[in-house]
């Protein structure tokens, strides 16, 4: 299963007017990072960065003036994402902007069943919150001390670590595809189950004398003895 953990930064909060100015993403394959990333700054045209947004991400109009437009990089974005799931924290916000950009170019939107919202996952897993990215990093012991401002690639990298922890990926996705290795059977689903089989049963832990003594005690107690319900009470 291929997923892209991604984040965007924008000129403001209204996807009808504001524009995407940064996108970053991290590729996961079967819940493990592959090392492939995407990171692009985007010129928003005549839309200026709102002061409130500037305070969050620090991306200035001057910095963006020589960057490519969304139309110039859309093919690179679509090629990187391919048929993967789109995974974001508060995905409604990010997908609203992405699909608004696609609509301006006459491209079809990314439909909801291809999107995972990690904020919704976090709220189900930790209903008492808080569930911001910073709070989840603290909860899972992920170092985010270098996150002084929002940044699309940095936030994607942190979110990838949080996401893997939330879904138990480090324990479940062992990446074993062989059906049998020695005496080990592997169920190679998305979350493999390991079943250990012994070549021969372990020897009995009780001696024959101990088994006989117990059987004699049960016989003495009579038919009401609770041990008569269990097979190990039968003497050899």
Foldseek 3Di string as FASTA:
>chain_A
DKAKQKDFQWLDQDLLQIATFKMKIFMDDLLHTPPDMDIFGAQGPPRARDPVSCVFAVQHNVNHVPGHHCVVCVVVVCVVCPQAAYEYAPVVRVQSNVQSVCVVVVHHGDDPVSYHHVNVLCCVVPVVDDDDLVRLCVVVVNDPVVPPHDDTHSSSVSVSVSVCVSVVSVQFQPVDDDQDDVQWGWDPDSGIDIDGDDPDDDDDPDDLVVLVVQLVVQVVVPPPDPCVVDPSNDHD
